[in-house]
N, C-alpha and C. Protein backbone atom coordinates (compact mmCIF):
# COMPACT_ATOMS: atom_id res chain seq x y z
N UNK A 1 -4.29 40.28 -36.33
CA UNK A 1 -5.66 40.75 -36.39
C UNK A 1 -6.03 41.05 -37.84
N UNK A 2 -7.24 40.69 -38.23
CA UNK A 2 -7.70 40.90 -39.60
C UNK A 2 -8.13 42.33 -39.83
N UNK A 3 -7.78 42.85 -40.99
CA UNK A 3 -8.23 44.17 -41.41
C UNK A 3 -9.47 43.97 -42.29
N UNK A 4 -10.54 44.71 -42.00
CA UNK A 4 -11.77 44.63 -42.78
C UNK A 4 -11.81 45.76 -43.78
N UNK A 5 -12.25 45.46 -45.00
CA UNK A 5 -12.39 46.47 -46.05
C UNK A 5 -13.82 46.45 -46.57
N UNK A 6 -14.32 47.63 -46.86
CA UNK A 6 -15.68 47.75 -47.42
C UNK A 6 -15.62 47.37 -48.89
N UNK A 7 -16.41 46.36 -49.24
CA UNK A 7 -16.43 45.87 -50.61
C UNK A 7 -17.65 46.40 -51.37
N UNK A 8 -18.69 46.82 -50.64
CA UNK A 8 -19.89 47.36 -51.29
C UNK A 8 -20.69 48.16 -50.27
N UNK A 9 -21.48 49.11 -50.78
CA UNK A 9 -22.38 49.91 -49.93
C UNK A 9 -23.79 49.78 -50.48
N UNK A 10 -24.75 49.76 -49.55
CA UNK A 10 -26.15 49.57 -49.92
C UNK A 10 -27.05 50.52 -49.14
N UNK A 11 -28.21 50.79 -49.70
CA UNK A 11 -29.26 51.50 -48.99
C UNK A 11 -30.33 50.53 -48.52
N UNK A 12 -30.36 49.35 -49.11
CA UNK A 12 -31.37 48.34 -48.80
C UNK A 12 -30.73 47.18 -48.03
N UNK A 13 -31.18 46.95 -46.78
CA UNK A 13 -30.59 45.87 -45.99
C UNK A 13 -30.75 44.49 -46.62
N UNK A 14 -31.82 44.29 -47.37
CA UNK A 14 -32.03 42.98 -48.00
C UNK A 14 -30.97 42.73 -49.08
N UNK A 15 -30.65 43.74 -49.87
CA UNK A 15 -29.60 43.58 -50.88
C UNK A 15 -28.24 43.31 -50.24
N UNK A 16 -27.99 43.97 -49.12
CA UNK A 16 -26.74 43.72 -48.39
C UNK A 16 -26.69 42.27 -47.92
N UNK A 17 -27.80 41.77 -47.42
CA UNK A 17 -27.87 40.39 -46.93
C UNK A 17 -27.68 39.38 -48.06
N UNK A 18 -28.30 39.66 -49.20
CA UNK A 18 -28.16 38.77 -50.35
C UNK A 18 -26.70 38.71 -50.80
N UNK A 19 -26.05 39.87 -50.84
CA UNK A 19 -24.64 39.91 -51.24
C UNK A 19 -23.76 39.21 -50.23
N UNK A 20 -24.07 39.37 -48.95
CA UNK A 20 -23.33 38.68 -47.91
C UNK A 20 -23.44 37.16 -48.10
N UNK A 21 -24.64 36.69 -48.36
CA UNK A 21 -24.85 35.26 -48.59
C UNK A 21 -24.10 34.76 -49.81
N UNK A 22 -24.06 35.57 -50.86
CA UNK A 22 -23.33 35.20 -52.07
C UNK A 22 -21.84 35.03 -51.77
N UNK A 23 -21.28 35.98 -51.04
CA UNK A 23 -19.86 35.87 -50.70
C UNK A 23 -19.59 34.67 -49.80
N UNK A 24 -20.44 34.48 -48.80
CA UNK A 24 -20.22 33.37 -47.87
C UNK A 24 -20.39 32.02 -48.55
N UNK A 25 -21.27 31.95 -49.55
CA UNK A 25 -21.43 30.69 -50.28
C UNK A 25 -20.20 30.39 -51.15
N UNK A 26 -19.38 31.41 -51.36
CA UNK A 26 -18.13 31.25 -52.09
C UNK A 26 -16.92 31.20 -51.16
N UNK A 27 -17.17 31.00 -49.87
CA UNK A 27 -16.09 30.81 -48.90
C UNK A 27 -15.46 32.08 -48.37
N UNK A 28 -16.13 33.22 -48.57
CA UNK A 28 -15.58 34.50 -48.09
C UNK A 28 -16.45 35.01 -46.95
N UNK A 29 -15.84 35.16 -45.79
CA UNK A 29 -16.56 35.69 -44.63
C UNK A 29 -16.87 37.16 -44.87
N UNK A 30 -18.12 37.55 -44.65
CA UNK A 30 -18.55 38.93 -44.87
C UNK A 30 -19.40 39.40 -43.70
N UNK A 31 -19.26 40.66 -43.35
CA UNK A 31 -20.02 41.26 -42.25
C UNK A 31 -20.74 42.50 -42.76
N UNK A 32 -21.92 42.74 -42.21
CA UNK A 32 -22.71 43.91 -42.55
C UNK A 32 -22.60 44.92 -41.42
N UNK A 33 -22.32 46.17 -41.77
CA UNK A 33 -22.21 47.25 -40.78
C UNK A 33 -23.17 48.37 -41.15
N UNK A 34 -23.77 48.99 -40.13
CA UNK A 34 -24.64 50.14 -40.34
C UNK A 34 -26.05 49.80 -40.74
N UNK A 35 -26.46 48.55 -40.52
CA UNK A 35 -27.79 48.12 -40.95
C UNK A 35 -28.90 48.72 -40.10
N UNK A 36 -28.63 48.96 -38.83
CA UNK A 36 -29.67 49.42 -37.92
C UNK A 36 -29.72 50.94 -37.91
N UNK A 37 -30.88 51.47 -38.22
CA UNK A 37 -31.10 52.92 -38.16
C UNK A 37 -32.54 53.16 -37.75
N UNK A 38 -32.76 54.16 -36.94
CA UNK A 38 -34.12 54.48 -36.54
C UNK A 38 -34.86 55.21 -37.66
N UNK A 39 -34.12 55.57 -38.71
CA UNK A 39 -34.70 56.22 -39.89
C UNK A 39 -34.34 55.42 -41.13
N UNK A 40 -35.15 54.38 -41.45
CA UNK A 40 -34.81 53.49 -42.57
C UNK A 40 -34.61 54.23 -43.89
N UNK A 41 -35.35 55.31 -44.13
CA UNK A 41 -35.19 56.03 -45.39
C UNK A 41 -33.82 56.70 -45.48
N UNK A 42 -33.20 56.96 -44.35
CA UNK A 42 -31.86 57.54 -44.33
C UNK A 42 -30.85 56.58 -44.95
N UNK A 43 -30.98 55.29 -44.64
CA UNK A 43 -30.09 54.29 -45.22
C UNK A 43 -30.19 54.27 -46.74
N UNK A 44 -31.42 54.34 -47.25
CA UNK A 44 -31.63 54.28 -48.70
C UNK A 44 -31.00 55.49 -49.37
N UNK A 45 -31.22 56.67 -48.81
CA UNK A 45 -30.70 57.90 -49.41
C UNK A 45 -29.18 57.98 -49.34
N UNK A 46 -28.61 57.53 -48.25
CA UNK A 46 -27.18 57.69 -48.02
C UNK A 46 -26.34 56.44 -48.30
N UNK A 47 -26.98 55.33 -48.53
CA UNK A 47 -26.29 54.04 -48.70
C UNK A 47 -25.31 53.82 -47.55
N UNK A 48 -25.85 53.84 -46.34
CA UNK A 48 -25.05 53.71 -45.12
C UNK A 48 -24.71 52.28 -44.74
N UNK A 49 -25.26 51.31 -45.41
CA UNK A 49 -25.01 49.92 -45.05
C UNK A 49 -23.78 49.43 -45.82
N UNK A 50 -22.78 48.98 -45.08
CA UNK A 50 -21.53 48.53 -45.69
C UNK A 50 -21.37 47.03 -45.56
N UNK A 51 -20.91 46.42 -46.62
CA UNK A 51 -20.55 45.00 -46.62
C UNK A 51 -19.04 44.95 -46.59
N UNK A 52 -18.49 44.33 -45.56
CA UNK A 52 -17.03 44.30 -45.38
C UNK A 52 -16.52 42.86 -45.40
N UNK A 53 -15.30 42.73 -45.89
CA UNK A 53 -14.62 41.43 -45.94
C UNK A 53 -13.20 41.62 -45.42
N UNK A 54 -12.54 40.52 -45.10
CA UNK A 54 -11.13 40.58 -44.73
C UNK A 54 -10.34 41.13 -45.91
N UNK A 55 -9.34 41.93 -45.61
CA UNK A 55 -8.54 42.56 -46.67
C UNK A 55 -7.98 41.53 -47.65
N UNK A 56 -7.59 40.36 -47.15
CA UNK A 56 -7.02 39.32 -48.02
C UNK A 56 -8.04 38.76 -49.01
N UNK A 57 -9.34 38.91 -48.72
CA UNK A 57 -10.40 38.41 -49.61
C UNK A 57 -11.00 39.51 -50.49
N UNK A 58 -10.50 40.73 -50.35
CA UNK A 58 -11.12 41.89 -51.01
C UNK A 58 -11.24 41.73 -52.53
N UNK A 59 -10.16 41.39 -53.19
CA UNK A 59 -10.18 41.28 -54.66
C UNK A 59 -11.12 40.18 -55.13
N UNK A 60 -11.08 39.04 -54.45
CA UNK A 60 -11.98 37.94 -54.81
C UNK A 60 -13.44 38.34 -54.61
N UNK A 61 -13.70 39.04 -53.51
CA UNK A 61 -15.07 39.49 -53.22
C UNK A 61 -15.56 40.46 -54.28
N UNK A 62 -14.69 41.38 -54.69
CA UNK A 62 -15.06 42.32 -55.75
C UNK A 62 -15.42 41.59 -57.03
N UNK A 63 -14.64 40.58 -57.38
CA UNK A 63 -14.90 39.81 -58.61
C UNK A 63 -16.24 39.09 -58.53
N UNK A 64 -16.52 38.49 -57.40
CA UNK A 64 -17.78 37.76 -57.22
C UNK A 64 -18.96 38.72 -57.30
N UNK A 65 -18.87 39.85 -56.62
CA UNK A 65 -19.96 40.81 -56.63
C UNK A 65 -20.13 41.46 -58.00
N UNK A 66 -19.03 41.72 -58.68
CA UNK A 66 -19.11 42.31 -60.01
C UNK A 66 -19.84 41.37 -60.97
N UNK A 67 -19.60 40.09 -60.80
CA UNK A 67 -20.26 39.10 -61.66
C UNK A 67 -21.77 39.09 -61.42
N UNK A 68 -22.20 39.55 -60.26
CA UNK A 68 -23.63 39.56 -59.96
C UNK A 68 -24.19 40.99 -59.97
N UNK A 69 -23.41 41.94 -60.51
CA UNK A 69 -23.82 43.34 -60.62
C UNK A 69 -24.12 43.99 -59.28
N UNK A 70 -23.37 43.63 -58.24
CA UNK A 70 -23.56 44.21 -56.92
C UNK A 70 -22.32 44.96 -56.44
N UNK A 71 -21.35 45.15 -57.30
CA UNK A 71 -20.08 45.74 -56.88
C UNK A 71 -20.21 47.22 -56.55
N UNK A 72 -19.31 47.64 -55.67
CA UNK A 72 -19.25 49.05 -55.27
C UNK A 72 -18.84 49.93 -56.43
C-alpha cells in the first residue's frame, strides 16, 4: 500500500489544482485533500488544502514545486 505525504498546503483551491497539474504533467500522481469546506474563507486563513503525493515521489515533487515557487 502506498503512503501519501503532504508536499504543500494551500488556502486557495485553484493554486492547489495548478500545482497538482504541474506534478502530474511531470509524471507524479498527486491528490488534493481538504478542498471542500462550507466556509471558503476558513481554507484561506488556515491553509487547510493539502497536496499529497506517494512517499516515493516526495523529494521529486518538492523539487518541482520549489522550481515554481509553490513549495511548502
